[in-house]
Full PDB file with SEQRES, HELIX, SHEET, SSBOND, CRYST1, ORIGX, SCALE, CONECT and MASTER records, all heavy atoms in Angstrom:
SEQRES   1 A   37  PRO TRP PHE GLU VAL TYR TYR LYS LEU LEU ASN THR LEU          
SEQRES   2 A   37  ALA ASP TYR LEU ALA LYS GLU GLN GLU GLU ASP LEU ASN          
SEQRES   3 A   37  ASP LEU LEU GLU ASN TRP TYR SER HIS PRO VAL                  
HELIX    1 AA1 PHE A    3  ALA A   18  1                                  16    
HELIX    2 AA2 GLU A   22  SER A   34  1                                  13    
CRYST1    1.000    1.000    1.000  90.00  90.00  90.00 P 1           1          
ORIGX1      1.000000  0.000000  0.000000        0.00000                         
ORIGX2      0.000000  1.000000  0.000000        0.00000                         
ORIGX3      0.000000  0.000000  1.000000        0.00000                         
SCALE1      1.000000  0.000000  0.000000        0.00000                         
SCALE2      0.000000  1.000000  0.000000        0.00000                         
SCALE3      0.000000  0.000000  1.000000        0.00000                         
ATOM      1  N   PRO A   1       5.621   8.833  11.912  1.00  0.00           N  
ATOM      2  CA  PRO A   1       5.318   9.069  10.494  1.00  0.00           C  
ATOM      3  C   PRO A   1       6.431   9.850   9.803  1.00  0.00           C  
ATOM      4  O   PRO A   1       6.194  10.890   9.188  1.00  0.00           O  
ATOM      5  CB  PRO A   1       4.014   9.862  10.569  1.00  0.00           C  
ATOM      6  CG  PRO A   1       4.131  10.640  11.839  1.00  0.00           C  
ATOM      7  CD  PRO A   1       4.874   9.741  12.805  1.00  0.00           C  
ATOM      8  N   TRP A   2       7.630   9.309   9.870  1.00  0.00           N  
ATOM      9  CA  TRP A   2       8.808   9.990   9.329  1.00  0.00           C  
ATOM     10  C   TRP A   2       9.167   9.384   7.976  1.00  0.00           C  
ATOM     11  O   TRP A   2      10.132   8.624   7.842  1.00  0.00           O  
ATOM     12  CB  TRP A   2       9.984   9.861  10.302  1.00  0.00           C  
ATOM     13  CG  TRP A   2       9.786  10.566  11.601  1.00  0.00           C  
ATOM     14  CD1 TRP A   2       8.746  11.362  11.977  1.00  0.00           C  
ATOM     15  CD2 TRP A   2      10.681  10.526  12.726  1.00  0.00           C  
ATOM     16  NE1 TRP A   2       8.915  11.832  13.254  1.00  0.00           N  
ATOM     17  CE2 TRP A   2      10.100  11.351  13.736  1.00  0.00           C  
ATOM     18  CE3 TRP A   2      11.896   9.910  12.978  1.00  0.00           C  
ATOM     19  CZ2 TRP A   2      10.705  11.531  14.978  1.00  0.00           C  
ATOM     20  CZ3 TRP A   2      12.499  10.102  14.207  1.00  0.00           C  
ATOM     21  CH2 TRP A   2      11.925  10.910  15.196  1.00  0.00           C  
ATOM     22  N   PHE A   3       8.404   9.706   6.975  1.00  0.00           N  
ATOM     23  CA  PHE A   3       8.541   9.063   5.664  1.00  0.00           C  
ATOM     24  C   PHE A   3       9.932   9.250   5.069  1.00  0.00           C  
ATOM     25  O   PHE A   3      10.579   8.272   4.673  1.00  0.00           O  
ATOM     26  CB  PHE A   3       7.481   9.627   4.702  1.00  0.00           C  
ATOM     27  CG  PHE A   3       6.077   9.304   5.116  1.00  0.00           C  
ATOM     28  CD1 PHE A   3       5.380  10.107   6.018  1.00  0.00           C  
ATOM     29  CD2 PHE A   3       5.437   8.190   4.608  1.00  0.00           C  
ATOM     30  CE1 PHE A   3       4.088   9.796   6.407  1.00  0.00           C  
ATOM     31  CE2 PHE A   3       4.141   7.865   4.982  1.00  0.00           C  
ATOM     32  CZ  PHE A   3       3.462   8.684   5.900  1.00  0.00           C  
ATOM     33  N   GLU A   4      10.396  10.480   4.987  1.00  0.00           N  
ATOM     34  CA  GLU A   4      11.685  10.739   4.355  1.00  0.00           C  
ATOM     35  C   GLU A   4      12.823  10.071   5.129  1.00  0.00           C  
ATOM     36  O   GLU A   4      13.758   9.519   4.534  1.00  0.00           O  
ATOM     37  CB  GLU A   4      11.921  12.251   4.244  1.00  0.00           C  
ATOM     38  CG  GLU A   4      10.993  12.956   3.250  1.00  0.00           C  
ATOM     39  CD  GLU A   4       9.564  13.110   3.780  1.00  0.00           C  
ATOM     40  OE1 GLU A   4       9.380  13.082   5.022  1.00  0.00           O  
ATOM     41  OE2 GLU A   4       8.646  13.234   2.961  1.00  0.00           O  
ATOM     42  N   VAL A   5      12.755  10.117   6.455  1.00  0.00           N  
ATOM     43  CA  VAL A   5      13.809   9.514   7.275  1.00  0.00           C  
ATOM     44  C   VAL A   5      13.896   8.021   7.053  1.00  0.00           C  
ATOM     45  O   VAL A   5      14.987   7.462   6.834  1.00  0.00           O  
ATOM     46  CB  VAL A   5      13.556   9.815   8.770  1.00  0.00           C  
ATOM     47  CG1 VAL A   5      14.458   8.956   9.660  1.00  0.00           C  
ATOM     48  CG2 VAL A   5      13.792  11.303   9.070  1.00  0.00           C  
ATOM     49  N   TYR A   6      12.757   7.361   7.074  1.00  0.00           N  
ATOM     50  CA  TYR A   6      12.793   5.891   6.957  1.00  0.00           C  
ATOM     51  C   TYR A   6      13.044   5.413   5.539  1.00  0.00           C  
ATOM     52  O   TYR A   6      13.624   4.328   5.344  1.00  0.00           O  
ATOM     53  CB  TYR A   6      11.507   5.292   7.552  1.00  0.00           C  
ATOM     54  CG  TYR A   6      11.570   5.253   9.060  1.00  0.00           C  
ATOM     55  CD1 TYR A   6      10.787   6.087   9.849  1.00  0.00           C  
ATOM     56  CD2 TYR A   6      12.458   4.389   9.687  1.00  0.00           C  
ATOM     57  CE1 TYR A   6      10.878   6.051  11.229  1.00  0.00           C  
ATOM     58  CE2 TYR A   6      12.545   4.339  11.073  1.00  0.00           C  
ATOM     59  CZ  TYR A   6      11.757   5.182  11.832  1.00  0.00           C  
ATOM     60  OH  TYR A   6      11.867   5.146  13.212  1.00  0.00           O  
ATOM     61  N   TYR A   7      12.636   6.187   4.548  1.00  0.00           N  
ATOM     62  CA  TYR A   7      12.992   5.811   3.174  1.00  0.00           C  
ATOM     63  C   TYR A   7      14.517   5.890   2.993  1.00  0.00           C  
ATOM     64  O   TYR A   7      15.122   5.029   2.350  1.00  0.00           O  
ATOM     65  CB  TYR A   7      12.300   6.738   2.175  1.00  0.00           C  
ATOM     66  CG  TYR A   7      10.828   6.457   1.980  1.00  0.00           C  
ATOM     67  CD1 TYR A   7       9.967   7.446   1.507  1.00  0.00           C  
ATOM     68  CD2 TYR A   7      10.279   5.219   2.276  1.00  0.00           C  
ATOM     69  CE1 TYR A   7       8.612   7.211   1.311  1.00  0.00           C  
ATOM     70  CE2 TYR A   7       8.936   4.955   2.096  1.00  0.00           C  
ATOM     71  CZ  TYR A   7       8.099   5.956   1.622  1.00  0.00           C  
ATOM     72  OH  TYR A   7       6.769   5.710   1.437  1.00  0.00           O  
ATOM     73  N   LYS A   8      15.112   6.918   3.568  1.00  0.00           N  
ATOM     74  CA  LYS A   8      16.566   7.055   3.491  1.00  0.00           C  
ATOM     75  C   LYS A   8      17.271   5.919   4.242  1.00  0.00           C  
ATOM     76  O   LYS A   8      18.254   5.345   3.761  1.00  0.00           O  
ATOM     77  CB  LYS A   8      16.991   8.400   4.067  1.00  0.00           C  
ATOM     78  CG  LYS A   8      18.476   8.687   3.989  1.00  0.00           C  
ATOM     79  CD  LYS A   8      18.803  10.075   4.549  1.00  0.00           C  
ATOM     80  CE  LYS A   8      20.302  10.344   4.484  1.00  0.00           C  
ATOM     81  NZ  LYS A   8      20.637  11.688   5.032  1.00  0.00           N  
ATOM     82  N   LEU A   9      16.730   5.577   5.410  1.00  0.00           N  
ATOM     83  CA  LEU A   9      17.305   4.483   6.180  1.00  0.00           C  
ATOM     84  C   LEU A   9      17.194   3.158   5.431  1.00  0.00           C  
ATOM     85  O   LEU A   9      18.112   2.326   5.454  1.00  0.00           O  
ATOM     86  CB  LEU A   9      16.602   4.396   7.537  1.00  0.00           C  
ATOM     87  CG  LEU A   9      17.199   3.448   8.589  1.00  0.00           C  
ATOM     88  CD1 LEU A   9      18.616   3.870   8.932  1.00  0.00           C  
ATOM     89  CD2 LEU A   9      16.334   3.442   9.844  1.00  0.00           C  
ATOM     90  N   LEU A  10      16.065   2.943   4.744  1.00  0.00           N  
ATOM     91  CA  LEU A  10      15.882   1.723   3.952  1.00  0.00           C  
ATOM     92  C   LEU A  10      16.911   1.626   2.824  1.00  0.00           C  
ATOM     93  O   LEU A  10      17.415   0.529   2.521  1.00  0.00           O  
ATOM     94  CB  LEU A  10      14.470   1.668   3.379  1.00  0.00           C  
ATOM     95  CG  LEU A  10      13.360   1.287   4.355  1.00  0.00           C  
ATOM     96  CD1 LEU A  10      11.991   1.586   3.759  1.00  0.00           C  
ATOM     97  CD2 LEU A  10      13.458  -0.178   4.754  1.00  0.00           C  
ATOM     98  N   ASN A  11      17.226   2.760   2.228  1.00  0.00           N  
ATOM     99  CA  ASN A  11      18.251   2.751   1.160  1.00  0.00           C  
ATOM    100  C   ASN A  11      19.601   2.302   1.710  1.00  0.00           C  
ATOM    101  O   ASN A  11      20.320   1.525   1.078  1.00  0.00           O  
ATOM    102  CB  ASN A  11      18.373   4.150   0.544  1.00  0.00           C  
ATOM    103  CG  ASN A  11      17.174   4.506  -0.306  1.00  0.00           C  
ATOM    104  OD1 ASN A  11      16.425   3.636  -0.728  1.00  0.00           O  
ATOM    105  ND2 ASN A  11      16.988   5.794  -0.549  1.00  0.00           N  
ATOM    106  N   THR A  12      19.928   2.795   2.901  1.00  0.00           N  
ATOM    107  CA  THR A  12      21.197   2.411   3.533  1.00  0.00           C  
ATOM    108  C   THR A  12      21.212   0.917   3.848  1.00  0.00           C  
ATOM    109  O   THR A  12      22.205   0.218   3.601  1.00  0.00           O  
ATOM    110  CB  THR A  12      21.431   3.230   4.801  1.00  0.00           C  
ATOM    111  OG1 THR A  12      21.417   4.630   4.493  1.00  0.00           O  
ATOM    112  CG2 THR A  12      22.749   2.876   5.447  1.00  0.00           C  
ATOM    113  N   LEU A  13      20.113   0.411   4.391  1.00  0.00           N  
ATOM    114  CA  LEU A  13      20.023  -1.014   4.703  1.00  0.00           C  
ATOM    115  C   LEU A  13      20.157  -1.854   3.439  1.00  0.00           C  
ATOM    116  O   LEU A  13      20.831  -2.906   3.431  1.00  0.00           O  
ATOM    117  CB  LEU A  13      18.697  -1.319   5.406  1.00  0.00           C  
ATOM    118  CG  LEU A  13      18.455  -0.673   6.770  1.00  0.00           C  
ATOM    119  CD1 LEU A  13      17.079  -1.066   7.303  1.00  0.00           C  
ATOM    120  CD2 LEU A  13      19.540  -1.085   7.761  1.00  0.00           C  
ATOM    121  N   ALA A  14      19.506  -1.423   2.361  1.00  0.00           N  
ATOM    122  CA  ALA A  14      19.576  -2.173   1.098  1.00  0.00           C  
ATOM    123  C   ALA A  14      21.006  -2.205   0.558  1.00  0.00           C  
ATOM    124  O   ALA A  14      21.453  -3.239   0.020  1.00  0.00           O  
ATOM    125  CB  ALA A  14      18.637  -1.547   0.067  1.00  0.00           C  
ATOM    126  N   ASP A  15      21.734  -1.099   0.708  1.00  0.00           N  
ATOM    127  CA  ASP A  15      23.123  -1.071   0.264  1.00  0.00           C  
ATOM    128  C   ASP A  15      23.973  -2.059   1.071  1.00  0.00           C  
ATOM    129  O   ASP A  15      24.815  -2.781   0.509  1.00  0.00           O  
ATOM    130  CB  ASP A  15      23.704   0.340   0.426  1.00  0.00           C  
ATOM    131  CG  ASP A  15      23.170   1.299  -0.628  1.00  0.00           C  
ATOM    132  OD1 ASP A  15      22.625   0.823  -1.649  1.00  0.00           O  
ATOM    133  OD2 ASP A  15      23.277   2.520  -0.422  1.00  0.00           O  
ATOM    134  N   TYR A  16      23.768  -2.099   2.384  1.00  0.00           N  
ATOM    135  CA  TYR A  16      24.508  -3.028   3.225  1.00  0.00           C  
ATOM    136  C   TYR A  16      24.236  -4.470   2.826  1.00  0.00           C  
ATOM    137  O   TYR A  16      25.154  -5.311   2.772  1.00  0.00           O  
ATOM    138  CB  TYR A  16      24.165  -2.812   4.693  1.00  0.00           C  
ATOM    139  CG  TYR A  16      24.778  -1.579   5.311  1.00  0.00           C  
ATOM    140  CD1 TYR A  16      24.158  -0.934   6.378  1.00  0.00           C  
ATOM    141  CD2 TYR A  16      25.988  -1.065   4.868  1.00  0.00           C  
ATOM    142  CE1 TYR A  16      24.714   0.199   6.965  1.00  0.00           C  
ATOM    143  CE2 TYR A  16      26.555   0.054   5.432  1.00  0.00           C  
ATOM    144  CZ  TYR A  16      25.913   0.694   6.484  1.00  0.00           C  
ATOM    145  OH  TYR A  16      26.472   1.798   7.052  1.00  0.00           O  
ATOM    146  N   LEU A  17      22.964  -4.760   2.544  1.00  0.00           N  
ATOM    147  CA  LEU A  17      22.609  -6.126   2.160  1.00  0.00           C  
ATOM    148  C   LEU A  17      23.216  -6.477   0.805  1.00  0.00           C  
ATOM    149  O   LEU A  17      23.703  -7.609   0.619  1.00  0.00           O  
ATOM    150  CB  LEU A  17      21.088  -6.261   2.118  1.00  0.00           C  
ATOM    151  CG  LEU A  17      20.384  -6.312   3.468  1.00  0.00           C  
ATOM    152  CD1 LEU A  17      18.879  -6.241   3.268  1.00  0.00           C  
ATOM    153  CD2 LEU A  17      20.760  -7.588   4.219  1.00  0.00           C  
ATOM    154  N   ALA A  18      23.189  -5.537  -0.121  1.00  0.00           N  
ATOM    155  CA  ALA A  18      23.751  -5.803  -1.445  1.00  0.00           C  
ATOM    156  C   ALA A  18      25.253  -6.080  -1.377  1.00  0.00           C  
ATOM    157  O   ALA A  18      25.793  -6.880  -2.154  1.00  0.00           O  
ATOM    158  CB  ALA A  18      23.460  -4.636  -2.383  1.00  0.00           C  
ATOM    159  N   LYS A  19      25.922  -5.407  -0.448  1.00  0.00           N  
ATOM    160  CA  LYS A  19      27.373  -5.562  -0.289  1.00  0.00           C  
ATOM    161  C   LYS A  19      27.729  -6.614   0.761  1.00  0.00           C  
ATOM    162  O   LYS A  19      28.906  -6.787   1.080  1.00  0.00           O  
ATOM    163  CB  LYS A  19      27.981  -4.219   0.091  1.00  0.00           C  
ATOM    164  CG  LYS A  19      27.810  -3.137  -0.971  1.00  0.00           C  
ATOM    165  CD  LYS A  19      28.316  -1.778  -0.480  1.00  0.00           C  
ATOM    166  CE  LYS A  19      28.080  -0.693  -1.514  1.00  0.00           C  
ATOM    167  NZ  LYS A  19      28.519   0.642  -1.021  1.00  0.00           N  
ATOM    168  N   GLU A  20      26.668  -7.255   1.305  1.00  0.00           N  
ATOM    169  CA  GLU A  20      26.840  -8.292   2.328  1.00  0.00           C  
ATOM    170  C   GLU A  20      27.597  -7.775   3.555  1.00  0.00           C  
ATOM    171  O   GLU A  20      28.416  -8.470   4.153  1.00  0.00           O  
ATOM    172  CB  GLU A  20      27.562  -9.512   1.741  1.00  0.00           C  
ATOM    173  CG  GLU A  20      26.788 -10.163   0.608  1.00  0.00           C  
ATOM    174  CD  GLU A  20      27.472 -11.416   0.083  1.00  0.00           C  
ATOM    175  OE1 GLU A  20      28.619 -11.686   0.490  1.00  0.00           O  
ATOM    176  OE2 GLU A  20      26.849 -12.122  -0.743  1.00  0.00           O  
ATOM    177  N   GLN A  21      27.298  -6.542   3.940  1.00  0.00           N  
ATOM    178  CA  GLN A  21      27.907  -5.937   5.120  1.00  0.00           C  
ATOM    179  C   GLN A  21      26.955  -6.092   6.309  1.00  0.00           C  
ATOM    180  O   GLN A  21      26.387  -5.145   6.822  1.00  0.00           O  
ATOM    181  CB  GLN A  21      28.209  -4.451   4.856  1.00  0.00           C  
ATOM    182  CG  GLN A  21      29.230  -4.250   3.751  1.00  0.00           C  
ATOM    183  CD  GLN A  21      29.432  -2.775   3.411  1.00  0.00           C  
ATOM    184  OE1 GLN A  21      28.531  -1.959   3.601  1.00  0.00           O  
ATOM    185  NE2 GLN A  21      30.619  -2.432   2.926  1.00  0.00           N  
ATOM    186  N   GLU A  22      26.792  -7.327   6.740  1.00  0.00           N  
ATOM    187  CA  GLU A  22      25.821  -7.640   7.783  1.00  0.00           C  
ATOM    188  C   GLU A  22      26.185  -6.996   9.128  1.00  0.00           C  
ATOM    189  O   GLU A  22      25.298  -6.577   9.882  1.00  0.00           O  
ATOM    190  CB  GLU A  22      25.710  -9.156   7.950  1.00  0.00           C  
ATOM    191  CG  GLU A  22      25.133  -9.847   6.735  1.00  0.00           C  
ATOM    192  CD  GLU A  22      24.952 -11.343   6.967  1.00  0.00           C  
ATOM    193  OE1 GLU A  22      25.105 -11.765   8.137  1.00  0.00           O  
ATOM    194  OE2 GLU A  22      24.651 -12.066   6.006  1.00  0.00           O  
ATOM    195  N   GLU A  23      27.473  -6.899   9.405  1.00  0.00           N  
ATOM    196  CA  GLU A  23      27.883  -6.309  10.676  1.00  0.00           C  
ATOM    197  C   GLU A  23      27.507  -4.817  10.735  1.00  0.00           C  
ATOM    198  O   GLU A  23      26.982  -4.342  11.748  1.00  0.00           O  
ATOM    199  CB  GLU A  23      29.397  -6.459  10.882  1.00  0.00           C  
ATOM    200  CG  GLU A  23      29.883  -5.977  12.236  1.00  0.00           C  
ATOM    201  CD  GLU A  23      31.355  -6.247  12.452  1.00  0.00           C  
ATOM    202  OE1 GLU A  23      31.918  -7.088  11.723  1.00  0.00           O  
ATOM    203  OE2 GLU A  23      31.946  -5.610  13.358  1.00  0.00           O  
ATOM    204  N   ASP A  24      27.738  -4.113   9.638  1.00  0.00           N  
ATOM    205  CA  ASP A  24      27.360  -2.692   9.584  1.00  0.00           C  
ATOM    206  C   ASP A  24      25.845  -2.545   9.687  1.00  0.00           C  
ATOM    207  O   ASP A  24      25.342  -1.631  10.359  1.00  0.00           O  
ATOM    208  CB  ASP A  24      27.842  -2.070   8.272  1.00  0.00           C  
ATOM    209  CG  ASP A  24      29.364  -1.933   8.237  1.00  0.00           C  
ATOM    210  OD1 ASP A  24      29.967  -1.862   9.335  1.00  0.00           O  
ATOM    211  OD2 ASP A  24      29.928  -1.915   7.143  1.00  0.00           O  
ATOM    212  N   LEU A  25      25.121  -3.422   9.037  1.00  0.00           N  
ATOM    213  CA  LEU A  25      23.657  -3.382   9.081  1.00  0.00           C  
ATOM    214  C   LEU A  25      23.157  -3.563  10.513  1.00  0.00           C  
ATOM    215  O   LEU A  25      22.304  -2.802  10.986  1.00  0.00           O  
ATOM    216  CB  LEU A  25      23.081  -4.445   8.158  1.00  0.00           C  
ATOM    217  CG  LEU A  25      21.561  -4.525   8.041  1.00  0.00           C  
ATOM    218  CD1 LEU A  25      21.151  -4.925   6.623  1.00  0.00           C  
ATOM    219  CD2 LEU A  25      20.989  -5.540   9.032  1.00  0.00           C  
ATOM    220  N   ASN A  26      23.673  -4.562  11.195  1.00  0.00           N  
ATOM    221  CA  ASN A  26      23.231  -4.834  12.568  1.00  0.00           C  
ATOM    222  C   ASN A  26      23.604  -3.717  13.517  1.00  0.00           C  
ATOM    223  O   ASN A  26      22.828  -3.360  14.418  1.00  0.00           O  
ATOM    224  CB  ASN A  26      23.813  -6.157  13.058  1.00  0.00           C  
ATOM    225  CG  ASN A  26      23.180  -7.363  12.396  1.00  0.00           C  
ATOM    226  OD1 ASN A  26      21.996  -7.342  12.075  1.00  0.00           O  
ATOM    227  ND2 ASN A  26      23.960  -8.417  12.178  1.00  0.00           N  
ATOM    228  N   ASP A  27      24.794  -3.132  13.332  1.00  0.00           N  
ATOM    229  CA  ASP A  27      25.211  -2.016  14.183  1.00  0.00           C  
ATOM    230  C   ASP A  27      24.284  -0.816  14.010  1.00  0.00           C  
ATOM    231  O   ASP A  27      23.881  -0.172  14.980  1.00  0.00           O  
ATOM    232  CB  ASP A  27      26.648  -1.609  13.849  1.00  0.00           C  
ATOM    233  CG  ASP A  27      27.673  -2.610  14.355  1.00  0.00           C  
ATOM    234  OD1 ASP A  27      27.300  -3.469  15.197  1.00  0.00           O  
ATOM    235  OD2 ASP A  27      28.837  -2.557  13.912  1.00  0.00           O  
ATOM    236  N   LEU A  28      23.929  -0.521  12.755  1.00  0.00           N  
ATOM    237  CA  LEU A  28      23.045   0.617  12.496  1.00  0.00           C  
ATOM    238  C   LEU A  28      21.683   0.389  13.143  1.00  0.00           C  
ATOM    239  O   LEU A  28      21.125   1.282  13.802  1.00  0.00           O  
ATOM    240  CB  LEU A  28      22.896   0.823  10.982  1.00  0.00           C  
ATOM    241  CG  LEU A  28      22.094   2.051  10.534  1.00  0.00           C  
ATOM    242  CD1 LEU A  28      22.620   2.581   9.227  1.00  0.00           C  
ATOM    243  CD2 LEU A  28      20.617   1.697  10.367  1.00  0.00           C  
ATOM    244  N   LEU A  29      21.119  -0.795  12.960  1.00  0.00           N  
ATOM    245  CA  LEU A  29      19.806  -1.082  13.537  1.00  0.00           C  
ATOM    246  C   LEU A  29      19.846  -1.078  15.060  1.00  0.00           C  
ATOM    247  O   LEU A  29      18.929  -0.580  15.721  1.00  0.00           O  
ATOM    248  CB  LEU A  29      19.295  -2.430  13.022  1.00  0.00           C  
ATOM    249  CG  LEU A  29      18.898  -2.473  11.546  1.00  0.00           C  
ATOM    250  CD1 LEU A  29      18.487  -3.897  11.171  1.00  0.00           C  
ATOM    251  CD2 LEU A  29      17.766  -1.506  11.257  1.00  0.00           C  
ATOM    252  N   GLU A  30      20.918  -1.600  15.620  1.00  0.00           N  
ATOM    253  CA  GLU A  30      21.046  -1.616  17.080  1.00  0.00           C  
ATOM    254  C   GLU A  30      21.125  -0.199  17.619  1.00  0.00           C  
ATOM    255  O   GLU A  30      20.480   0.124  18.626  1.00  0.00           O  
ATOM    256  CB  GLU A  30      22.301  -2.406  17.465  1.00  0.00           C  
ATOM    257  CG  GLU A  30      22.443  -2.646  18.965  1.00  0.00           C  
ATOM    258  CD  GLU A  30      21.371  -3.568  19.509  1.00  0.00           C  
ATOM    259  OE1 GLU A  30      21.170  -4.649  18.957  1.00  0.00           O  
ATOM    260  OE2 GLU A  30      20.712  -3.179  20.522  1.00  0.00           O  
ATOM    261  N   ASN A  31      21.892   0.667  16.959  1.00  0.00           N  
ATOM    262  CA  ASN A  31      22.031   2.055  17.408  1.00  0.00           C  
ATOM    263  C   ASN A  31      20.691   2.791  17.354  1.00  0.00           C  
ATOM    264  O   ASN A  31      20.329   3.526  18.274  1.00  0.00           O  
ATOM    265  CB  ASN A  31      23.058   2.795  16.546  1.00  0.00           C  
ATOM    266  CG  ASN A  31      24.465   2.344  16.824  1.00  0.00           C  
ATOM    267  OD1 ASN A  31      24.752   1.772  17.878  1.00  0.00           O  
ATOM    268  ND2 ASN A  31      25.376   2.584  15.871  1.00  0.00           N  
ATOM    269  N   TRP A  32      19.963   2.584  16.266  1.00  0.00           N  
ATOM    270  CA  TRP A  32      18.698   3.288  16.107  1.00  0.00           C  
ATOM    271  C   TRP A  32      17.611   2.732  17.027  1.00  0.00           C  
ATOM    272  O   TRP A  32      16.812   3.477  17.598  1.00  0.00           O  
ATOM    273  CB  TRP A  32      18.254   3.232  14.644  1.00  0.00           C  
ATOM    274  CG  TRP A  32      17.043   4.044  14.279  1.00  0.00           C  
ATOM    275  CD1 TRP A  32      15.986   3.639  13.524  1.00  0.00           C  
ATOM    276  CD2 TRP A  32      16.765   5.410  14.623  1.00  0.00           C  
ATOM    277  NE1 TRP A  32      15.065   4.651  13.385  1.00  0.00           N  
ATOM    278  CE2 TRP A  32      15.525   5.752  14.059  1.00  0.00           C  
ATOM    279  CE3 TRP A  32      17.443   6.363  15.395  1.00  0.00           C  
ATOM    280  CZ2 TRP A  32      14.948   7.015  14.204  1.00  0.00           C  
ATOM    281  CZ3 TRP A  32      16.861   7.627  15.542  1.00  0.00           C  
ATOM    282  CH2 TRP A  32      15.640   7.953  14.959  1.00  0.00           C  
ATOM    283  N   TYR A  33      17.593   1.431  17.201  1.00  0.00           N  
ATOM    284  CA  TYR A  33      16.577   0.802  18.034  1.00  0.00           C  
ATOM    285  C   TYR A  33      16.742   1.198  19.503  1.00  0.00           C  
ATOM    286  O   TYR A  33      15.758   1.378  20.227  1.00  0.00           O  
ATOM    287  CB  TYR A  33      16.668  -0.723  17.891  1.00  0.00           C  
ATOM    288  CG  TYR A  33      15.555  -1.488  18.577  1.00  0.00           C  
ATOM    289  CD1 TYR A  33      14.252  -1.443  18.090  1.00  0.00           C  
ATOM    290  CD2 TYR A  33      15.811  -2.261  19.718  1.00  0.00           C  
ATOM    291  CE1 TYR A  33      13.226  -2.142  18.715  1.00  0.00           C  
ATOM    292  CE2 TYR A  33      14.791  -2.961  20.350  1.00  0.00           C  
ATOM    293  CZ  TYR A  33      13.504  -2.899  19.844  1.00  0.00           C  
ATOM    294  OH  TYR A  33      12.498  -3.593  20.460  1.00  0.00           O  
ATOM    295  N   SER A  34      17.963   1.316  19.946  1.00  0.00           N  
ATOM    296  CA  SER A  34      18.244   1.660  21.350  1.00  0.00           C  
ATOM    297  C   SER A  34      18.236   3.159  21.599  1.00  0.00           C  
ATOM    298  O   SER A  34      18.290   3.606  22.746  1.00  0.00           O  
ATOM    299  CB  SER A  34      19.593   1.079  21.788  1.00  0.00           C  
ATOM    300  OG  SER A  34      20.642   1.601  20.992  1.00  0.00           O  
ATOM    301  N   HIS A  35      18.179   3.943  20.534  1.00  0.00           N  
ATOM    302  CA  HIS A  35      18.186   5.397  20.660  1.00  0.00           C  
ATOM    303  C   HIS A  35      16.849   5.873  21.219  1.00  0.00           C  
ATOM    304  O   HIS A  35      15.792   5.477  20.724  1.00  0.00           O  
ATOM    305  CB  HIS A  35      18.449   6.032  19.292  1.00  0.00           C  
ATOM    306  CG  HIS A  35      18.868   7.463  19.340  1.00  0.00           C  
ATOM    307  ND1 HIS A  35      18.044   8.482  19.783  1.00  0.00           N  
ATOM    308  CD2 HIS A  35      20.056   8.063  19.030  1.00  0.00           C  
ATOM    309  CE1 HIS A  35      18.689   9.624  19.716  1.00  0.00           C  
ATOM    310  NE2 HIS A  35      19.905   9.404  19.274  1.00  0.00           N  
ATOM    311  N   PRO A  36      16.846   6.724  22.245  1.00  0.00           N  
ATOM    312  CA  PRO A  36      15.575   7.301  22.716  1.00  0.00           C  
ATOM    313  C   PRO A  36      14.883   8.053  21.581  1.00  0.00           C  
ATOM    314  O   PRO A  36      15.563   8.632  20.715  1.00  0.00           O  
ATOM    315  CB  PRO A  36      16.016   8.255  23.827  1.00  0.00           C  
ATOM    316  CG  PRO A  36      17.375   7.792  24.238  1.00  0.00           C  
ATOM    317  CD  PRO A  36      18.008   7.219  23.016  1.00  0.00           C  
ATOM    318  N   VAL A  37      13.567   8.018  21.579  1.00  0.00           N  
ATOM    319  CA  VAL A  37      12.828   8.722  20.517  1.00  0.00           C  
ATOM    320  C   VAL A  37      13.176  10.202  20.586  1.00  0.00           C  
ATOM    321  O   VAL A  37      12.902  10.870  21.588  1.00  0.00           O  
ATOM    322  CB  VAL A  37      11.314   8.522  20.672  1.00  0.00           C  
ATOM    323  CG1 VAL A  37      10.578   9.307  19.589  1.00  0.00           C  
ATOM    324  CG2 VAL A  37      10.973   7.031  20.577  1.00  0.00           C  
TER     325      VAL A  37                                                      
MASTER        0    0    0    2    0    0    0    6  324    1    0    3          
END                                                                             
């Protein structure tokens, strides 16, 4: 239930999509998904 953290992360993802930076987007998601809680 990390509202502020995930809202901030969503803003970053939206910026990557707007700028068509798919590689940066995938790297960020991969890093966070594989990160231990």
